[in-house]
Amino acid sequence: MRLKTIDASSLTPMEMQSYLHYAIAPRPICFASTIDKNGEVNSSPFSFFNVFSINPPVCVFSPASRARDNTTKHTLENVLEIPECVINIVNYDMVQQVYLTSKDYPRGVNEFSKAGFTELASETVKPPRVAESTVQLECVVNDVISLGKNGGAGNLVMAEVPAGKSLRSKYRNCIATLDIK
């Protein structure tokens, strides 16, 4: 098998995104719920996401700046204001609704309403959970690391499920229990 060599420095950010999305698949989807200082809720999907630590339990997702105009997403602005989020894991039944939330809505538009999702109050953080998600992680944001200044640059959001916080799952036959004490 012959592989094509591509000079990464010759690619536009959109071309690079296309290559990487194709090469690194499938990816789990994080549907992050956040809230701003005025109490306005935002929910947005992220395919740049995974679990990175078990002790402490830390998930990382990356709201990248928009490649076309280098603006930031409401999710990033919100976690910088209120360092909390809920990571709602996307299941097959949610895919079409989640897709509706990936549009760039103006600030103040509630994506829960746009997509027909049900908000559930969280027990330990301000952002709400998504009732339709089968796994919901109430998290405290420990750090946000900027990976660059140009359009398309990621921002790593380090979201920890701290001791005493909530991790919920509808799956009862897991090897490990999901109550974090």
N, C-alpha and C. Protein backbone atom coordinates (compact mmCIF):
# COMPACT_ATOMS: atom_id res chain seq x y z
N MET A 1 0.85 -1.18 0.00
CA MET A 1 0.00 0.00 0.00
C MET A 1 0.89 1.24 0.00
N ARG A 2 0.58 2.16 -0.88
CA ARG A 2 1.32 3.42 -0.94
C ARG A 2 0.49 4.51 -0.29
N LEU A 3 1.11 5.25 0.57
CA LEU A 3 0.45 6.37 1.23
C LEU A 3 0.88 7.67 0.58
N LYS A 4 -0.03 8.57 0.47
CA LYS A 4 0.27 9.88 -0.08
C LYS A 4 0.86 10.76 1.02
N THR A 5 1.93 11.44 0.72
CA THR A 5 2.54 12.38 1.68
C THR A 5 1.94 13.75 1.43
N ILE A 6 1.48 14.36 2.50
CA ILE A 6 0.86 15.68 2.41
C ILE A 6 1.67 16.64 3.28
N ASP A 7 2.05 17.75 2.71
CA ASP A 7 2.77 18.78 3.47
C ASP A 7 1.74 19.55 4.28
N ALA A 8 1.71 19.30 5.59
CA ALA A 8 0.71 19.92 6.46
C ALA A 8 0.77 21.45 6.40
N SER A 9 1.94 22.01 6.20
CA SER A 9 2.07 23.47 6.17
C SER A 9 1.42 24.08 4.93
N SER A 10 1.13 23.26 3.92
CA SER A 10 0.50 23.78 2.70
C SER A 10 -1.03 23.76 2.77
N LEU A 11 -1.58 23.18 3.83
CA LEU A 11 -3.02 23.06 3.95
C LEU A 11 -3.65 24.26 4.64
N THR A 12 -4.85 24.62 4.21
CA THR A 12 -5.62 25.63 4.94
C THR A 12 -6.16 24.96 6.21
N PRO A 13 -6.59 25.73 7.19
CA PRO A 13 -7.19 25.11 8.39
C PRO A 13 -8.37 24.22 8.05
N MET A 14 -9.20 24.60 7.09
CA MET A 14 -10.35 23.78 6.70
C MET A 14 -9.91 22.46 6.06
N GLU A 15 -8.86 22.50 5.23
CA GLU A 15 -8.34 21.27 4.64
C GLU A 15 -7.75 20.36 5.71
N MET A 16 -7.02 20.93 6.66
CA MET A 16 -6.43 20.15 7.74
C MET A 16 -7.54 19.49 8.57
N GLN A 17 -8.58 20.25 8.87
CA GLN A 17 -9.70 19.71 9.62
C GLN A 17 -10.32 18.54 8.86
N SER A 18 -10.50 18.68 7.58
CA SER A 18 -11.09 17.62 6.77
C SER A 18 -10.23 16.35 6.82
N TYR A 19 -8.92 16.49 6.64
CA TYR A 19 -8.04 15.33 6.70
C TYR A 19 -8.08 14.66 8.07
N LEU A 20 -7.98 15.45 9.13
CA LEU A 20 -7.94 14.87 10.48
C LEU A 20 -9.26 14.23 10.87
N HIS A 21 -10.38 14.86 10.51
CA HIS A 21 -11.68 14.26 10.81
C HIS A 21 -11.86 12.93 10.08
N TYR A 22 -11.36 12.85 8.87
CA TYR A 22 -11.45 11.61 8.11
C TYR A 22 -10.53 10.54 8.71
N ALA A 23 -9.32 10.94 9.07
CA ALA A 23 -8.30 9.99 9.54
C ALA A 23 -8.59 9.46 10.94
N ILE A 24 -9.11 10.31 11.80
CA ILE A 24 -9.32 9.93 13.20
C ILE A 24 -10.82 9.79 13.43
N ALA A 25 -11.31 8.59 13.15
CA ALA A 25 -12.75 8.35 13.25
C ALA A 25 -12.96 6.87 13.58
N PRO A 26 -14.01 6.51 14.23
CA PRO A 26 -15.05 7.40 14.76
C PRO A 26 -14.57 8.08 16.04
N ARG A 27 -15.23 9.15 16.38
CA ARG A 27 -14.90 9.90 17.59
C ARG A 27 -16.15 9.99 18.47
N PRO A 28 -15.97 9.86 19.80
CA PRO A 28 -17.13 10.10 20.66
C PRO A 28 -17.51 11.57 20.61
N ILE A 29 -18.76 11.87 20.88
CA ILE A 29 -19.23 13.25 20.84
C ILE A 29 -19.60 13.70 22.25
N CYS A 30 -19.01 14.81 22.65
CA CYS A 30 -19.34 15.48 23.91
C CYS A 30 -20.38 16.54 23.59
N PHE A 31 -21.50 16.51 24.28
CA PHE A 31 -22.52 17.54 24.14
C PHE A 31 -22.45 18.36 25.42
N ALA A 32 -21.71 19.45 25.37
CA ALA A 32 -21.41 20.24 26.57
C ALA A 32 -22.50 21.26 26.86
N SER A 33 -22.97 21.27 28.10
CA SER A 33 -23.90 22.30 28.59
C SER A 33 -23.08 23.27 29.42
N THR A 34 -23.24 24.56 29.13
CA THR A 34 -22.56 25.60 29.91
C THR A 34 -23.56 26.71 30.20
N ILE A 35 -23.13 27.65 31.02
CA ILE A 35 -24.00 28.77 31.38
C ILE A 35 -23.12 30.01 31.53
N ASP A 36 -23.65 31.16 31.13
CA ASP A 36 -22.86 32.39 31.27
C ASP A 36 -23.23 33.11 32.57
N LYS A 37 -22.55 34.23 32.82
CA LYS A 37 -22.76 34.96 34.08
C LYS A 37 -24.16 35.53 34.20
N ASN A 38 -24.90 35.64 33.08
CA ASN A 38 -26.29 36.13 33.12
C ASN A 38 -27.30 35.00 33.22
N GLY A 39 -26.81 33.76 33.32
CA GLY A 39 -27.70 32.61 33.46
C GLY A 39 -28.22 32.05 32.15
N GLU A 40 -27.67 32.52 31.01
CA GLU A 40 -28.10 32.00 29.72
C GLU A 40 -27.37 30.70 29.42
N VAL A 41 -28.14 29.68 29.05
CA VAL A 41 -27.62 28.33 28.83
C VAL A 41 -27.17 28.17 27.38
N ASN A 42 -26.10 27.41 27.20
CA ASN A 42 -25.59 27.06 25.88
C ASN A 42 -25.34 25.56 25.87
N SER A 43 -25.63 24.92 24.77
CA SER A 43 -25.27 23.50 24.59
C SER A 43 -24.72 23.34 23.19
N SER A 44 -23.61 22.61 23.10
CA SER A 44 -22.93 22.49 21.82
C SER A 44 -22.17 21.17 21.75
N PRO A 45 -22.13 20.54 20.56
CA PRO A 45 -21.41 19.28 20.41
C PRO A 45 -19.93 19.49 20.07
N PHE A 46 -19.10 18.56 20.54
CA PHE A 46 -17.66 18.60 20.27
C PHE A 46 -17.16 17.21 19.95
N SER A 47 -16.56 17.05 18.77
CA SER A 47 -15.98 15.76 18.42
C SER A 47 -14.51 15.69 18.84
N PHE A 48 -13.91 16.82 19.18
CA PHE A 48 -12.57 16.81 19.77
C PHE A 48 -12.78 16.63 21.27
N PHE A 49 -12.89 15.37 21.70
CA PHE A 49 -13.28 15.05 23.07
C PHE A 49 -12.83 13.64 23.43
N ASN A 50 -12.46 13.47 24.70
CA ASN A 50 -12.23 12.13 25.23
C ASN A 50 -11.95 12.20 26.72
N VAL A 51 -11.85 11.03 27.36
CA VAL A 51 -11.45 10.94 28.75
C VAL A 51 -9.92 10.87 28.78
N PHE A 52 -9.30 11.61 29.69
CA PHE A 52 -7.84 11.68 29.72
C PHE A 52 -7.24 11.25 31.05
N SER A 53 -8.06 11.07 32.06
CA SER A 53 -7.55 10.65 33.37
C SER A 53 -8.68 9.98 34.13
N ILE A 54 -8.31 9.01 34.94
CA ILE A 54 -9.27 8.31 35.77
C ILE A 54 -9.17 8.76 37.22
N ASN A 55 -7.96 9.08 37.68
CA ASN A 55 -7.76 9.48 39.07
C ASN A 55 -6.86 10.70 39.12
N PRO A 56 -7.41 11.91 39.03
CA PRO A 56 -8.83 12.26 39.10
C PRO A 56 -9.51 12.03 37.74
N PRO A 57 -10.84 11.85 37.76
CA PRO A 57 -11.55 11.67 36.49
C PRO A 57 -11.64 13.00 35.73
N VAL A 58 -10.98 13.04 34.57
CA VAL A 58 -10.93 14.27 33.78
C VAL A 58 -11.25 13.96 32.33
N CYS A 59 -12.18 14.71 31.78
CA CYS A 59 -12.48 14.68 30.35
C CYS A 59 -11.98 15.99 29.76
N VAL A 60 -11.60 15.94 28.50
CA VAL A 60 -11.13 17.14 27.81
C VAL A 60 -11.93 17.28 26.52
N PHE A 61 -12.41 18.48 26.27
CA PHE A 61 -13.01 18.79 24.97
C PHE A 61 -12.43 20.09 24.49
N SER A 62 -12.56 20.35 23.19
CA SER A 62 -11.85 21.49 22.62
C SER A 62 -12.74 22.35 21.74
N PRO A 63 -13.25 23.45 22.29
CA PRO A 63 -13.95 24.42 21.43
C PRO A 63 -12.90 25.25 20.67
N ALA A 64 -12.72 24.93 19.41
CA ALA A 64 -11.74 25.64 18.59
C ALA A 64 -12.30 26.99 18.15
N SER A 65 -11.40 27.94 17.93
CA SER A 65 -11.86 29.19 17.33
C SER A 65 -12.30 28.89 15.91
N ARG A 66 -13.22 29.67 15.41
CA ARG A 66 -13.75 29.43 14.06
C ARG A 66 -12.66 29.73 13.03
N ALA A 67 -12.42 28.77 12.15
CA ALA A 67 -11.36 28.91 11.15
C ALA A 67 -11.63 30.07 10.19
N ARG A 68 -12.91 30.32 9.90
CA ARG A 68 -13.25 31.33 8.88
C ARG A 68 -13.01 32.76 9.35
N ASP A 69 -13.18 33.03 10.67
CA ASP A 69 -13.04 34.42 11.12
C ASP A 69 -12.36 34.56 12.49
N ASN A 70 -11.86 33.45 13.04
CA ASN A 70 -11.12 33.44 14.29
C ASN A 70 -11.93 33.94 15.49
N THR A 71 -13.24 33.79 15.45
CA THR A 71 -14.06 34.15 16.60
C THR A 71 -14.20 32.94 17.53
N THR A 72 -14.58 33.19 18.77
CA THR A 72 -14.70 32.10 19.74
C THR A 72 -16.16 31.67 19.88
N LYS A 73 -16.33 30.45 20.35
CA LYS A 73 -17.66 29.89 20.55
C LYS A 73 -18.18 30.26 21.93
N HIS A 74 -19.49 30.30 22.06
CA HIS A 74 -20.11 30.66 23.34
C HIS A 74 -19.70 29.70 24.44
N THR A 75 -19.49 28.43 24.12
CA THR A 75 -19.07 27.45 25.12
C THR A 75 -17.77 27.88 25.78
N LEU A 76 -16.80 28.28 24.98
CA LEU A 76 -15.51 28.72 25.53
C LEU A 76 -15.69 29.97 26.39
N GLU A 77 -16.43 30.93 25.88
CA GLU A 77 -16.67 32.15 26.66
C GLU A 77 -17.34 31.82 27.99
N ASN A 78 -18.29 30.88 27.97
CA ASN A 78 -19.03 30.52 29.19
C ASN A 78 -18.14 29.85 30.22
N VAL A 79 -17.32 28.87 29.81
CA VAL A 79 -16.48 28.18 30.81
C VAL A 79 -15.40 29.09 31.37
N LEU A 80 -15.05 30.15 30.64
CA LEU A 80 -14.11 31.13 31.20
C LEU A 80 -14.81 32.02 32.23
N GLU A 81 -16.12 32.27 32.06
CA GLU A 81 -16.90 33.06 33.03
C GLU A 81 -17.33 32.22 34.23
N ILE A 82 -17.93 31.08 33.95
CA ILE A 82 -18.43 30.16 34.99
C ILE A 82 -17.73 28.82 34.71
N PRO A 83 -16.68 28.48 35.47
CA PRO A 83 -15.88 27.29 35.16
C PRO A 83 -16.56 25.97 35.56
N GLU A 84 -17.69 25.72 34.95
CA GLU A 84 -18.44 24.50 35.17
C GLU A 84 -19.07 24.08 33.84
N CYS A 85 -19.34 22.79 33.72
CA CYS A 85 -20.05 22.29 32.54
C CYS A 85 -20.65 20.94 32.87
N VAL A 86 -21.55 20.51 32.02
CA VAL A 86 -22.04 19.13 32.07
C VAL A 86 -21.69 18.52 30.73
N ILE A 87 -20.98 17.40 30.79
CA ILE A 87 -20.68 16.65 29.58
C ILE A 87 -21.76 15.59 29.45
N ASN A 88 -22.58 15.76 28.44
CA ASN A 88 -23.66 14.83 28.13
C ASN A 88 -23.18 13.99 26.95
N ILE A 89 -23.10 12.68 27.15
CA ILE A 89 -22.61 11.82 26.07
C ILE A 89 -23.74 11.61 25.07
N VAL A 90 -23.41 11.77 23.79
CA VAL A 90 -24.39 11.64 22.72
C VAL A 90 -24.58 10.17 22.36
N ASN A 91 -25.82 9.75 22.33
CA ASN A 91 -26.15 8.40 21.88
C ASN A 91 -26.86 8.50 20.53
N TYR A 92 -27.06 7.36 19.91
CA TYR A 92 -27.61 7.31 18.56
C TYR A 92 -28.96 8.03 18.45
N ASP A 93 -29.79 7.87 19.47
CA ASP A 93 -31.13 8.48 19.42
C ASP A 93 -31.10 10.00 19.44
N MET A 94 -29.98 10.59 19.84
CA MET A 94 -29.85 12.04 19.95
C MET A 94 -29.19 12.70 18.75
N VAL A 95 -28.62 11.93 17.85
CA VAL A 95 -27.74 12.46 16.81
C VAL A 95 -28.38 13.59 16.00
N GLN A 96 -29.59 13.40 15.51
CA GLN A 96 -30.21 14.42 14.66
C GLN A 96 -30.47 15.71 15.44
N GLN A 97 -30.92 15.57 16.68
CA GLN A 97 -31.17 16.76 17.50
C GLN A 97 -29.86 17.49 17.82
N VAL A 98 -28.83 16.74 18.13
CA VAL A 98 -27.52 17.35 18.43
C VAL A 98 -27.01 18.11 17.21
N TYR A 99 -27.21 17.54 16.03
CA TYR A 99 -26.77 18.21 14.81
C TYR A 99 -27.39 19.61 14.69
N LEU A 100 -28.64 19.75 15.10
CA LEU A 100 -29.31 21.06 15.04
C LEU A 100 -28.62 22.10 15.91
N THR A 101 -27.94 21.66 16.96
CA THR A 101 -27.28 22.60 17.87
C THR A 101 -25.90 23.02 17.39
N SER A 102 -25.39 22.41 16.33
CA SER A 102 -24.04 22.75 15.86
C SER A 102 -24.03 24.04 15.04
N LYS A 103 -25.18 24.56 14.71
CA LYS A 103 -25.28 25.83 13.99
C LYS A 103 -24.80 26.97 14.90
N ASP A 104 -24.24 28.00 14.31
CA ASP A 104 -23.82 29.18 15.07
C ASP A 104 -25.02 30.08 15.34
N TYR A 105 -25.62 29.90 16.49
CA TYR A 105 -26.75 30.75 16.89
C TYR A 105 -26.22 32.00 17.59
N PRO A 106 -26.97 33.09 17.52
CA PRO A 106 -26.56 34.28 18.27
C PRO A 106 -26.61 34.02 19.77
N ARG A 107 -25.81 34.76 20.52
CA ARG A 107 -25.82 34.64 21.97
C ARG A 107 -27.25 34.86 22.47
N GLY A 108 -27.63 34.07 23.44
CA GLY A 108 -28.97 34.18 24.00
C GLY A 108 -29.96 33.17 23.45
N VAL A 109 -29.62 32.52 22.33
CA VAL A 109 -30.49 31.48 21.78
C VAL A 109 -30.24 30.20 22.57
N ASN A 110 -31.29 29.59 23.06
CA ASN A 110 -31.18 28.36 23.84
C ASN A 110 -31.24 27.16 22.90
N GLU A 111 -30.10 26.47 22.76
CA GLU A 111 -30.03 25.32 21.85
C GLU A 111 -30.87 24.15 22.34
N PHE A 112 -31.09 24.06 23.66
CA PHE A 112 -32.00 23.02 24.18
C PHE A 112 -33.35 23.16 23.49
N SER A 113 -33.87 24.37 23.47
CA SER A 113 -35.18 24.63 22.86
C SER A 113 -35.15 24.40 21.35
N LYS A 114 -34.12 24.89 20.68
CA LYS A 114 -34.01 24.74 19.22
C LYS A 114 -34.04 23.28 18.80
N ALA A 115 -33.39 22.41 19.61
CA ALA A 115 -33.28 21.00 19.24
C ALA A 115 -34.35 20.13 19.90
N GLY A 116 -35.15 20.70 20.80
CA GLY A 116 -36.18 19.93 21.46
C GLY A 116 -35.68 19.05 22.59
N PHE A 117 -34.55 19.40 23.18
CA PHE A 117 -34.03 18.65 24.32
C PHE A 117 -34.67 19.13 25.62
N THR A 118 -34.64 18.28 26.62
CA THR A 118 -35.21 18.59 27.92
C THR A 118 -34.09 18.96 28.90
N GLU A 119 -34.19 20.15 29.48
CA GLU A 119 -33.22 20.57 30.49
C GLU A 119 -33.57 19.94 31.83
N LEU A 120 -32.56 19.39 32.49
CA LEU A 120 -32.70 18.89 33.86
C LEU A 120 -31.75 19.67 34.74
N ALA A 121 -32.22 20.12 35.88
CA ALA A 121 -31.33 20.83 36.79
C ALA A 121 -30.23 19.88 37.26
N SER A 122 -29.01 20.38 37.29
CA SER A 122 -27.90 19.61 37.84
C SER A 122 -27.94 19.72 39.35
N GLU A 123 -27.30 18.78 40.02
CA GLU A 123 -27.28 18.80 41.48
C GLU A 123 -26.10 19.57 42.04
N THR A 124 -24.99 19.63 41.29
CA THR A 124 -23.77 20.19 41.88
C THR A 124 -23.14 21.31 41.08
N VAL A 125 -23.63 21.57 39.86
CA VAL A 125 -23.11 22.66 39.04
C VAL A 125 -24.28 23.46 38.48
N LYS A 126 -23.99 24.65 37.98
CA LYS A 126 -25.05 25.52 37.46
C LYS A 126 -25.60 25.10 36.10
N PRO A 127 -24.77 24.67 35.14
CA PRO A 127 -25.35 24.29 33.84
C PRO A 127 -26.27 23.08 33.97
N PRO A 128 -27.33 23.05 33.16
CA PRO A 128 -28.27 21.92 33.22
C PRO A 128 -27.74 20.69 32.49
N ARG A 129 -28.36 19.56 32.81
CA ARG A 129 -28.09 18.31 32.12
C ARG A 129 -29.09 18.15 30.97
N VAL A 130 -28.79 17.24 30.05
CA VAL A 130 -29.69 16.90 28.96
C VAL A 130 -30.39 15.60 29.33
N ALA A 131 -31.69 15.65 29.54
CA ALA A 131 -32.45 14.49 29.99
C ALA A 131 -32.31 13.31 29.04
N GLU A 132 -32.20 13.57 27.76
CA GLU A 132 -32.14 12.50 26.76
C GLU A 132 -30.79 11.80 26.71
N SER A 133 -29.77 12.35 27.33
CA SER A 133 -28.45 11.73 27.34
C SER A 133 -28.41 10.60 28.35
N THR A 134 -27.80 9.49 27.97
CA THR A 134 -27.73 8.33 28.85
C THR A 134 -26.56 8.38 29.82
N VAL A 135 -25.62 9.31 29.60
CA VAL A 135 -24.51 9.53 30.53
C VAL A 135 -24.33 11.03 30.68
N GLN A 136 -24.34 11.51 31.93
CA GLN A 136 -24.22 12.95 32.21
C GLN A 136 -23.14 13.15 33.28
N LEU A 137 -22.15 13.95 32.98
CA LEU A 137 -21.04 14.20 33.89
C LEU A 137 -21.06 15.65 34.34
N GLU A 138 -21.35 15.90 35.61
CA GLU A 138 -21.31 17.26 36.14
C GLU A 138 -19.86 17.57 36.48
N CYS A 139 -19.31 18.60 35.86
CA CYS A 139 -17.87 18.86 35.93
C CYS A 139 -17.54 20.27 36.38
N VAL A 140 -16.36 20.37 37.00
CA VAL A 140 -15.73 21.65 37.30
C VAL A 140 -14.58 21.80 36.32
N VAL A 141 -14.47 22.96 35.70
CA VAL A 141 -13.40 23.21 34.74
C VAL A 141 -12.16 23.66 35.53
N ASN A 142 -11.13 22.83 35.48
CA ASN A 142 -9.89 23.11 36.21
C ASN A 142 -8.95 24.03 35.45
N ASP A 143 -9.01 23.95 34.12
CA ASP A 143 -8.07 24.71 33.32
C ASP A 143 -8.58 24.79 31.88
N VAL A 144 -8.19 25.85 31.19
CA VAL A 144 -8.43 25.98 29.76
C VAL A 144 -7.08 26.36 29.15
N ILE A 145 -6.61 25.54 28.23
CA ILE A 145 -5.31 25.77 27.61
C ILE A 145 -5.52 26.13 26.15
N SER A 146 -5.09 27.34 25.79
CA SER A 146 -5.18 27.79 24.40
C SER A 146 -4.04 27.15 23.61
N LEU A 147 -4.35 26.63 22.43
CA LEU A 147 -3.34 25.98 21.60
C LEU A 147 -2.86 26.85 20.45
N GLY A 148 -3.30 28.09 20.41
CA GLY A 148 -2.85 29.00 19.36
C GLY A 148 -3.72 30.21 19.26
N LYS A 149 -3.32 31.13 18.40
CA LYS A 149 -4.03 32.39 18.25
C LYS A 149 -4.75 32.51 16.90
N ASN A 150 -4.49 31.60 15.96
CA ASN A 150 -5.08 31.68 14.63
C ASN A 150 -6.41 30.95 14.56
N GLY A 151 -7.20 31.27 13.55
CA GLY A 151 -8.47 30.59 13.34
C GLY A 151 -8.29 29.09 13.25
N GLY A 152 -9.13 28.34 13.94
CA GLY A 152 -9.02 26.89 13.97
C GLY A 152 -8.22 26.35 15.13
N ALA A 153 -7.61 27.24 15.91
CA ALA A 153 -6.81 26.80 17.07
C ALA A 153 -7.74 26.29 18.16
N GLY A 154 -7.35 25.19 18.76
CA GLY A 154 -8.16 24.59 19.81
C GLY A 154 -7.93 25.24 21.16
N ASN A 155 -8.83 24.96 22.07
CA ASN A 155 -8.73 25.37 23.46
C ASN A 155 -9.12 24.15 24.29
N LEU A 156 -8.15 23.57 24.99
CA LEU A 156 -8.43 22.37 25.75
C LEU A 156 -9.12 22.72 27.06
N VAL A 157 -10.35 22.27 27.21
CA VAL A 157 -11.12 22.48 28.43
C VAL A 157 -10.97 21.23 29.29
N MET A 158 -10.26 21.37 30.42
CA MET A 158 -10.03 20.26 31.34
C MET A 158 -11.19 20.22 32.33
N ALA A 159 -12.07 19.25 32.16
CA ALA A 159 -13.30 19.16 32.94
C ALA A 159 -13.22 17.95 33.88
N GLU A 160 -13.18 18.22 35.17
CA GLU A 160 -13.04 17.16 36.16
C GLU A 160 -14.38 16.86 36.83
N VAL A 161 -14.64 15.58 37.06
CA VAL A 161 -15.78 15.16 37.87
C VAL A 161 -15.21 14.99 39.28
N PRO A 162 -15.29 16.04 40.12
CA PRO A 162 -14.65 15.97 41.43
C PRO A 162 -15.38 15.02 42.39
N ALA A 163 -14.66 14.62 43.42
CA ALA A 163 -15.26 13.79 44.47
C ALA A 163 -16.50 14.48 44.99
N GLY A 164 -17.57 13.72 45.16
CA GLY A 164 -18.82 14.27 45.65
C GLY A 164 -19.70 14.85 44.56
N LYS A 165 -19.19 14.93 43.33
CA LYS A 165 -19.99 15.45 42.22
C LYS A 165 -20.71 14.29 41.55
N SER A 166 -21.54 14.60 40.59
CA SER A 166 -22.42 13.58 40.02
C SER A 166 -21.96 13.10 38.66
N LEU A 167 -22.00 11.79 38.52
CA LEU A 167 -21.80 11.11 37.25
C LEU A 167 -22.97 10.16 37.13
N ARG A 168 -23.82 10.36 36.14
CA ARG A 168 -25.02 9.54 36.01
C ARG A 168 -24.98 8.72 34.73
N SER A 169 -25.47 7.50 34.84
CA SER A 169 -25.54 6.64 33.67
C SER A 169 -26.77 5.76 33.76
N LYS A 170 -27.43 5.53 32.64
CA LYS A 170 -28.58 4.62 32.64
C LYS A 170 -28.12 3.17 32.60
N TYR A 171 -26.82 2.97 32.33
CA TYR A 171 -26.30 1.61 32.21
C TYR A 171 -26.04 1.04 33.59
N ARG A 172 -26.79 0.01 33.96
CA ARG A 172 -26.70 -0.56 35.30
C ARG A 172 -25.74 -1.74 35.38
N ASN A 173 -25.37 -2.31 34.26
CA ASN A 173 -24.53 -3.50 34.28
C ASN A 173 -23.07 -3.20 33.97
N CYS A 174 -22.62 -2.01 34.38
CA CYS A 174 -21.22 -1.66 34.17
C CYS A 174 -20.35 -2.45 35.14
N ILE A 175 -19.10 -2.65 34.77
CA ILE A 175 -18.16 -3.33 35.66
C ILE A 175 -17.92 -2.49 36.90
N ALA A 176 -17.74 -1.19 36.72
CA ALA A 176 -17.49 -0.28 37.84
C ALA A 176 -18.79 0.44 38.21
N THR A 177 -18.93 0.81 39.47
CA THR A 177 -20.07 1.62 39.83
C THR A 177 -19.79 3.04 39.39
N LEU A 178 -20.83 3.80 39.18
CA LEU A 178 -20.66 5.16 38.68
C LEU A 178 -20.93 6.22 39.73
N ASP A 179 -21.07 5.83 40.97
CA ASP A 179 -21.21 6.82 42.05
C ASP A 179 -19.81 7.18 42.54
N ILE A 180 -19.45 8.43 42.35
CA ILE A 180 -18.13 8.87 42.78
C ILE A 180 -18.25 9.45 44.18
N LYS A 181 -17.54 8.89 45.10
CA LYS A 181 -17.59 9.35 46.51
C LYS A 181 -16.30 10.05 46.86
